[in-house]
Amino acid sequence: MNFIKLRDSLKDFTVFSLRDILQVDKNFHRRRLNEWQNKGYIKKVIKGFYIFSDLILNENVLFEISNRIYKPSYVSLESALSYYHLIPESVYGITSVSTRRTYRFITSMTEFSYRTVRPDFYFGYVVKAYNQKVFKIAQPEKAIIDYFYLNPHLRNENDFDSLRVNSEQFFEIIDEGILLNYLAKFLQNSLKERTCRFMDFLSSKK
């Protein structure tokens, strides 16, 4: 299979794997991938995953790639908080949660990092569509809970203030009922107390 056929066969893929190629051509030789990388036709994301070199990278594209290269996972933590404009600045890299072990990929495009949550805590995400593609991202309520769950050192007002969460945006988009319902699923009193204390802190700044 030549590159033109590959490009046409995988034109709808943002990121593709060797397995995807083999579904198109079961006799495909892996060495062609090295040839096409050397010619600048494709770029390796991580081992086994590639993008076409002319792919335009933006936040949505990187979120989709993040979902694909480490499954199951969804974007959360700092990346989701930034996406919902709950924190003032964009963040370095793409942060996600997964039921697999904590891991980090440093690539030429960005850093993809994944934090581990228990399988029964893997919920509270939505599927967002863009340009006929999709990516999974935590709901804002779940992004907050994921962050406090994975950062148990956040306990007092100084800690809360350092997060620089926009209090007006928080109370505009956060559904307290959803947040408390999700907290109840964790069955962790300390997590609930810290999160509620954080909400009280933000309320005092309104």
C-alpha atoms as a PDB file:
ATOM      1  CA  MET A   1       0.000   0.000   0.000  1.00  0.00           C
ATOM      2  CA  ASN A   2       1.354   3.387  -0.953  1.00  0.00           C
ATOM      3  CA  PHE A   3       0.971   6.549   1.094  1.00  0.00           C
ATOM      4  CA  ILE A   4      -1.787   8.025  -1.062  1.00  0.00           C
ATOM      5  CA  LYS A   5      -3.941   4.945  -0.469  1.00  0.00           C
ATOM      6  CA  LEU A   6      -3.208   5.096   3.258  1.00  0.00           C
ATOM      7  CA  ARG A   7      -4.127   8.775   3.384  1.00  0.00           C
ATOM      8  CA  ASP A   8      -7.378   8.160   1.558  1.00  0.00           C
ATOM      9  CA  SER A   9      -8.279   5.121   3.672  1.00  0.00           C
ATOM     10  CA  LEU A  10      -7.636   6.914   6.982  1.00  0.00           C
ATOM     11  CA  LYS A  11      -8.729  10.425   5.996  1.00  0.00           C
ATOM     12  CA  ASP A  12     -11.311  10.503   8.788  1.00  0.00           C
ATOM     13  CA  PHE A  13      -8.801   9.548  11.496  1.00  0.00           C
ATOM     14  CA  THR A  14      -7.262  12.236  13.691  1.00  0.00           C
ATOM     15  CA  VAL A  15      -4.760   9.729  15.073  1.00  0.00           C
ATOM     16  CA  PHE A  16      -4.257   6.216  13.759  1.00  0.00           C
ATOM     17  CA  SER A  17      -2.520   3.065  14.882  1.00  0.00           C
ATOM     18  CA  LEU A  18      -0.745   0.188  13.191  1.00  0.00           C
ATOM     19  CA  ARG A  19      -3.860  -1.871  13.922  1.00  0.00           C
ATOM     20  CA  ASP A  20      -5.955   0.643  11.977  1.00  0.00           C
ATOM     21  CA  ILE A  21      -3.598   0.301   9.014  1.00  0.00           C
ATOM     22  CA  LEU A  22      -3.688  -3.497   9.153  1.00  0.00           C
ATOM     23  CA  GLN A  23      -7.471  -3.393   8.929  1.00  0.00           C
ATOM     24  CA  VAL A  24      -7.030  -1.674   5.582  1.00  0.00           C
ATOM     25  CA  ASP A  25      -4.095  -3.787   4.400  1.00  0.00           C
ATOM     26  CA  LYS A  26      -3.344  -6.973   6.355  1.00  0.00           C
ATOM     27  CA  ASN A  27      -0.035  -7.349   4.494  1.00  0.00           C
ATOM     28  CA  PHE A  28       1.245  -3.896   5.418  1.00  0.00           C
ATOM     29  CA  HIS A  29       4.941  -3.789   6.371  1.00  0.00           C
ATOM     30  CA  ARG A  30       5.812  -1.792   9.469  1.00  0.00           C
ATOM     31  CA  ARG A  31       8.999  -0.463   7.837  1.00  0.00           C
ATOM     32  CA  ARG A  32       6.871   1.768   5.625  1.00  0.00           C
ATOM     33  CA  LEU A  33       5.983   3.797   8.708  1.00  0.00           C
ATOM     34  CA  ASN A  34       9.663   4.639   9.232  1.00  0.00           C
ATOM     35  CA  GLU A  35      10.002   5.572   5.565  1.00  0.00           C
ATOM     36  CA  TRP A  36       6.988   7.884   5.712  1.00  0.00           C
ATOM     37  CA  GLN A  37       8.233   9.480   8.934  1.00  0.00           C
ATOM     38  CA  ASN A  38      11.619  10.141   7.317  1.00  0.00           C
ATOM     39  CA  LYS A  39       9.877  11.737   4.351  1.00  0.00           C
ATOM     40  CA  GLY A  40       7.788  13.904   6.655  1.00  0.00           C
ATOM     41  CA  TYR A  41       4.459  12.404   5.629  1.00  0.00           C
ATOM     42  CA  ILE A  42       3.485  11.255   9.124  1.00  0.00           C
ATOM     43  CA  LYS A  43       4.573  11.924  12.707  1.00  0.00           C
ATOM     44  CA  LYS A  44       4.746   9.496  15.590  1.00  0.00           C
ATOM     45  CA  VAL A  45       2.746  10.519  18.660  1.00  0.00           C
ATOM     46  CA  ILE A  46       3.809   7.598  20.857  1.00  0.00           C
ATOM     47  CA  LYS A  47       4.787   4.042  20.013  1.00  0.00           C
ATOM     48  CA  GLY A  48       2.107   2.601  17.772  1.00  0.00           C
ATOM     49  CA  PHE A  49       0.181   5.840  17.145  1.00  0.00           C
ATOM     50  CA  TYR A  50       0.646   8.365  14.354  1.00  0.00           C
ATOM     51  CA  ILE A  51      -0.824  11.521  12.837  1.00  0.00           C
ATOM     52  CA  PHE A  52      -0.535  12.974   9.363  1.00  0.00           C
ATOM     53  CA  SER A  53       2.080  15.732   9.350  1.00  0.00           C
ATOM     54  CA  ASP A  54      -0.291  18.416   8.084  1.00  0.00           C
ATOM     55  CA  LEU A  55      -2.792  17.892  10.894  1.00  0.00           C
ATOM     56  CA  ILE A  56      -3.622  21.256  12.483  1.00  0.00           C
ATOM     57  CA  LEU A  57      -3.270  20.925  16.225  1.00  0.00           C
ATOM     58  CA  ASN A  58      -5.622  22.696  18.600  1.00  0.00           C
ATOM     59  CA  GLU A  59      -7.155  21.965  21.980  1.00  0.00           C
ATOM     60  CA  ASN A  60      -9.957  19.780  20.627  1.00  0.00           C
ATOM     61  CA  VAL A  61      -7.591  17.733  18.491  1.00  0.00           C
ATOM     62  CA  LEU A  62      -5.193  17.200  21.393  1.00  0.00           C
ATOM     63  CA  PHE A  63      -8.076  16.150  23.635  1.00  0.00           C
ATOM     64  CA  GLU A  64      -9.167  13.546  21.083  1.00  0.00           C
ATOM     65  CA  ILE A  65      -5.610  12.250  20.717  1.00  0.00           C
ATOM     66  CA  SER A  66      -5.307  12.053  24.495  1.00  0.00           C
ATOM     67  CA  ASN A  67      -8.436   9.893  24.676  1.00  0.00           C
ATOM     68  CA  ARG A  68      -7.216   7.585  21.944  1.00  0.00           C
ATOM     69  CA  ILE A  69      -3.619   6.830  22.917  1.00  0.00           C
ATOM     70  CA  TYR A  70      -4.426   5.714  26.477  1.00  0.00           C
ATOM     71  CA  LYS A  71      -7.756   3.982  26.947  1.00  0.00           C
ATOM     72  CA  PRO A  72      -9.945   4.247  28.872  1.00  0.00           C
ATOM     73  CA  SER A  73      -9.437   7.896  29.740  1.00  0.00           C
ATOM     74  CA  TYR A  74     -11.175  11.231  29.679  1.00  0.00           C
ATOM     75  CA  VAL A  75      -9.788  14.764  29.924  1.00  0.00           C
ATOM     76  CA  SER A  76     -10.091  16.202  33.438  1.00  0.00           C
ATOM     77  CA  LEU A  77      -8.157  18.030  36.163  1.00  0.00           C
ATOM     78  CA  GLU A  78      -6.325  21.198  35.032  1.00  0.00           C
ATOM     79  CA  SER A  79      -7.188  20.723  31.360  1.00  0.00           C
ATOM     80  CA  ALA A  80     -10.917  20.462  32.032  1.00  0.00           C
ATOM     81  CA  LEU A  81     -10.832  23.353  34.525  1.00  0.00           C
ATOM     82  CA  SER A  82      -9.166  25.495  31.875  1.00  0.00           C
ATOM     83  CA  TYR A  83     -11.610  24.316  29.187  1.00  0.00           C
ATOM     84  CA  TYR A  84     -14.538  25.501  31.317  1.00  0.00           C
ATOM     85  CA  HIS A  85     -12.722  28.776  32.120  1.00  0.00           C
ATOM     86  CA  LEU A  86     -12.674  27.954  35.808  1.00  0.00           C
ATOM     87  CA  ILE A  87      -8.985  28.793  36.021  1.00  0.00           C
ATOM     88  CA  PRO A  88      -7.586  31.868  34.292  1.00  0.00           C
ATOM     89  CA  GLU A  89      -4.760  30.467  32.227  1.00  0.00           C
ATOM     90  CA  SER A  90      -4.244  27.659  29.783  1.00  0.00           C
ATOM     91  CA  VAL A  91      -2.234  24.808  31.231  1.00  0.00           C
ATOM     92  CA  TYR A  92       0.818  22.971  29.999  1.00  0.00           C
ATOM     93  CA  GLY A  93       0.023  19.577  28.565  1.00  0.00           C
ATOM     94  CA  ILE A  94      -3.187  17.575  28.565  1.00  0.00           C
ATOM     95  CA  THR A  95      -4.299  16.115  31.893  1.00  0.00           C
ATOM     96  CA  SER A  96      -6.665  13.162  32.063  1.00  0.00           C
ATOM     97  CA  VAL A  97      -7.852  10.430  34.384  1.00  0.00           C
ATOM     98  CA  SER A  98      -7.863   6.729  33.654  1.00  0.00           C
ATOM     99  CA  THR A  99      -8.508   3.418  35.351  1.00  0.00           C
ATOM    100  CA  ARG A 100      -5.050   2.352  34.205  1.00  0.00           C
ATOM    101  CA  ARG A 101      -1.841   3.204  36.032  1.00  0.00           C
ATOM    102  CA  THR A 102      -0.608   6.778  36.298  1.00  0.00           C
ATOM    103  CA  TYR A 103       1.471   7.524  33.233  1.00  0.00           C
ATOM    104  CA  ARG A 104       2.971  10.369  31.228  1.00  0.00           C
ATOM    105  CA  PHE A 105       3.904  10.675  27.567  1.00  0.00           C
ATOM    106  CA  ILE A 106       6.233  13.488  26.546  1.00  0.00           C
ATOM    107  CA  THR A 107       5.773  14.059  22.823  1.00  0.00           C
ATOM    108  CA  SER A 108       6.795  16.632  20.233  1.00  0.00           C
ATOM    109  CA  MET A 109       3.307  18.141  20.314  1.00  0.00           C
ATOM    110  CA  THR A 110       2.612  18.270  24.059  1.00  0.00           C
ATOM    111  CA  GLU A 111       2.754  16.247  27.255  1.00  0.00           C
ATOM    112  CA  PHE A 112      -0.081  13.810  27.908  1.00  0.00           C
ATOM    113  CA  SER A 113      -0.469  12.867  31.565  1.00  0.00           C
ATOM    114  CA  TYR A 114      -2.902  10.439  33.160  1.00  0.00           C
ATOM    115  CA  ARG A 115      -3.845   9.989  36.816  1.00  0.00           C
ATOM    116  CA  THR A 116      -5.402   6.819  38.159  1.00  0.00           C
ATOM    117  CA  VAL A 117      -8.901   6.569  39.588  1.00  0.00           C
ATOM    118  CA  ARG A 118     -10.705   3.460  40.731  1.00  0.00           C
ATOM    119  CA  PRO A 119     -13.041   1.914  38.119  1.00  0.00           C
ATOM    120  CA  ASP A 120     -16.113   2.849  40.208  1.00  0.00           C
ATOM    121  CA  PHE A 121     -14.969   6.493  40.132  1.00  0.00           C
ATOM    122  CA  TYR A 122     -14.688   6.494  36.350  1.00  0.00           C
ATOM    123  CA  PHE A 123     -17.852   8.437  35.542  1.00  0.00           C
ATOM    124  CA  GLY A 124     -19.099  11.987  35.158  1.00  0.00           C
ATOM    125  CA  TYR A 125     -17.727  12.722  31.699  1.00  0.00           C
ATOM    126  CA  VAL A 126     -19.459  13.861  28.530  1.00  0.00           C
ATOM    127  CA  VAL A 127     -18.749  13.388  24.836  1.00  0.00           C
ATOM    128  CA  LYS A 128     -18.114  16.689  23.064  1.00  0.00           C
ATOM    129  CA  ALA A 129     -18.402  16.982  19.298  1.00  0.00           C
ATOM    130  CA  TYR A 130     -16.240  19.096  17.026  1.00  0.00           C
ATOM    131  CA  ASN A 131     -15.823  18.983  13.240  1.00  0.00           C
ATOM    132  CA  GLN A 132     -17.591  15.596  13.077  1.00  0.00           C
ATOM    133  CA  LYS A 133     -15.116  14.236  15.654  1.00  0.00           C
ATOM    134  CA  VAL A 134     -15.545  13.714  19.394  1.00  0.00           C
ATOM    135  CA  PHE A 135     -13.601  13.682  22.641  1.00  0.00           C
ATOM    136  CA  LYS A 136     -14.452  12.769  26.223  1.00  0.00           C
ATOM    137  CA  ILE A 137     -14.079  15.342  28.979  1.00  0.00           C
ATOM    138  CA  ALA A 138     -15.201  15.527  32.594  1.00  0.00           C
ATOM    139  CA  GLN A 139     -18.268  17.539  33.415  1.00  0.00           C
ATOM    140  CA  PRO A 140     -17.183  20.641  35.339  1.00  0.00           C
ATOM    141  CA  GLU A 141     -18.535  19.175  38.587  1.00  0.00           C
ATOM    142  CA  LYS A 142     -16.547  15.967  38.091  1.00  0.00           C
ATOM    143  CA  ALA A 143     -13.398  17.855  37.115  1.00  0.00           C
ATOM    144  CA  ILE A 144     -13.533  19.642  40.481  1.00  0.00           C
ATOM    145  CA  ILE A 145     -14.049  16.387  42.364  1.00  0.00           C
ATOM    146  CA  ASP A 146     -11.320  14.574  40.421  1.00  0.00           C
ATOM    147  CA  TYR A 147      -8.947  17.396  41.274  1.00  0.00           C
ATOM    148  CA  PHE A 148      -9.654  17.295  45.007  1.00  0.00           C
ATOM    149  CA  TYR A 149      -9.666  13.491  45.048  1.00  0.00           C
ATOM    150  CA  LEU A 150      -6.226  13.337  43.449  1.00  0.00           C
ATOM    151  CA  ASN A 151      -4.828  16.261  45.451  1.00  0.00           C
ATOM    152  CA  PRO A 152      -5.677  15.411  49.078  1.00  0.00           C
ATOM    153  CA  HIS A 153      -3.221  18.045  50.350  1.00  0.00           C
ATOM    154  CA  LEU A 154      -5.655  20.834  49.370  1.00  0.00           C
ATOM    155  CA  ARG A 155      -7.280  21.609  52.700  1.00  0.00           C
ATOM    156  CA  ASN A 156      -7.191  25.256  53.749  1.00  0.00           C
ATOM    157  CA  GLU A 157      -7.921  28.718  52.394  1.00  0.00           C
ATOM    158  CA  ASN A 158      -4.348  29.288  51.248  1.00  0.00           C
ATOM    159  CA  ASP A 159      -4.526  26.063  49.238  1.00  0.00           C
ATOM    160  CA  PHE A 160      -7.870  27.047  47.756  1.00  0.00           C
ATOM    161  CA  ASP A 161      -6.685  30.541  46.892  1.00  0.00           C
ATOM    162  CA  SER A 162      -3.650  29.150  45.068  1.00  0.00           C
ATOM    163  CA  LEU A 163      -5.955  27.375  42.607  1.00  0.00           C
ATOM    164  CA  ARG A 164      -7.128  30.761  41.283  1.00  0.00           C
ATOM    165  CA  VAL A 165     -10.588  29.436  40.475  1.00  0.00           C
ATOM    166  CA  ASN A 166     -12.952  32.062  39.082  1.00  0.00           C
ATOM    167  CA  SER A 167     -15.706  32.186  41.717  1.00  0.00           C
ATOM    168  CA  GLU A 168     -18.251  33.888  39.432  1.00  0.00           C
ATOM    169  CA  GLN A 169     -17.725  31.338  36.684  1.00  0.00           C
ATOM    170  CA  PHE A 170     -17.837  28.527  39.236  1.00  0.00           C
ATOM    171  CA  PHE A 171     -21.288  29.381  40.537  1.00  0.00           C
ATOM    172  CA  GLU A 172     -22.508  30.158  37.044  1.00  0.00           C
ATOM    173  CA  ILE A 173     -21.740  26.745  35.576  1.00  0.00           C
ATOM    174  CA  ILE A 174     -21.473  24.354  38.525  1.00  0.00           C
ATOM    175  CA  ASP A 175     -24.665  22.504  39.412  1.00  0.00           C
ATOM    176  CA  GLU A 176     -24.401  21.985  43.169  1.00  0.00           C
ATOM    177  CA  GLY A 177     -26.901  19.122  43.054  1.00  0.00           C
ATOM    178  CA  ILE A 178     -24.803  17.223  40.519  1.00  0.00           C
ATOM    179  CA  LEU A 179     -21.625  17.933  42.447  1.00  0.00           C
ATOM    180  CA  LEU A 180     -23.058  16.662  45.738  1.00  0.00           C
ATOM    181  CA  ASN A 181     -24.540  13.614  44.034  1.00  0.00           C
ATOM    182  CA  TYR A 182     -21.157  12.745  42.545  1.00  0.00           C
ATOM    183  CA  LEU A 183     -19.441  13.332  45.888  1.00  0.00           C
ATOM    184  CA  ALA A 184     -21.823  10.866  47.527  1.00  0.00           C
ATOM    185  CA  LYS A 185     -20.667   8.140  45.131  1.00  0.00           C
ATOM    186  CA  PHE A 186     -17.115   8.407  46.496  1.00  0.00           C
ATOM    187  CA  LEU A 187     -18.195   7.568  50.059  1.00  0.00           C
ATOM    188  CA  GLN A 188     -15.306   9.644  51.407  1.00  0.00           C
ATOM    189  CA  ASN A 189     -16.232  12.106  54.130  1.00  0.00           C
ATOM    190  CA  SER A 190     -12.865  13.867  53.977  1.00  0.00           C
ATOM    191  CA  LEU A 191     -13.244  14.489  50.232  1.00  0.00           C
ATOM    192  CA  LYS A 192     -16.766  15.830  50.725  1.00  0.00           C
ATOM    193  CA  GLU A 193     -15.642  18.079  53.583  1.00  0.00           C
ATOM    194  CA  ARG A 194     -12.710  19.532  51.623  1.00  0.00           C
ATOM    195  CA  THR A 195     -14.812  20.127  48.520  1.00  0.00           C
ATOM    196  CA  CYS A 196     -17.632  21.773  50.466  1.00  0.00           C
ATOM    197  CA  ARG A 197     -15.106  23.892  52.353  1.00  0.00           C
ATOM    198  CA  PHE A 198     -13.726  24.998  48.999  1.00  0.00           C
ATOM    199  CA  MET A 199     -17.218  25.958  47.820  1.00  0.00           C
ATOM    200  CA  ASP A 200     -17.756  27.978  50.989  1.00  0.00           C
ATOM    201  CA  PHE A 201     -14.435  29.704  50.347  1.00  0.00           C
ATOM    202  CA  LEU A 202     -15.482  30.653  46.818  1.00  0.00           C
ATOM    203  CA  SER A 203     -18.883  31.815  48.044  1.00  0.00           C
ATOM    204  CA  SER A 204     -17.203  34.203  50.443  1.00  0.00           C
ATOM    205  CA  LYS A 205     -15.352  35.807  47.514  1.00  0.00           C
ATOM    206  CA  LYS A 206     -18.437  36.534  45.418  1.00  0.00           C
END
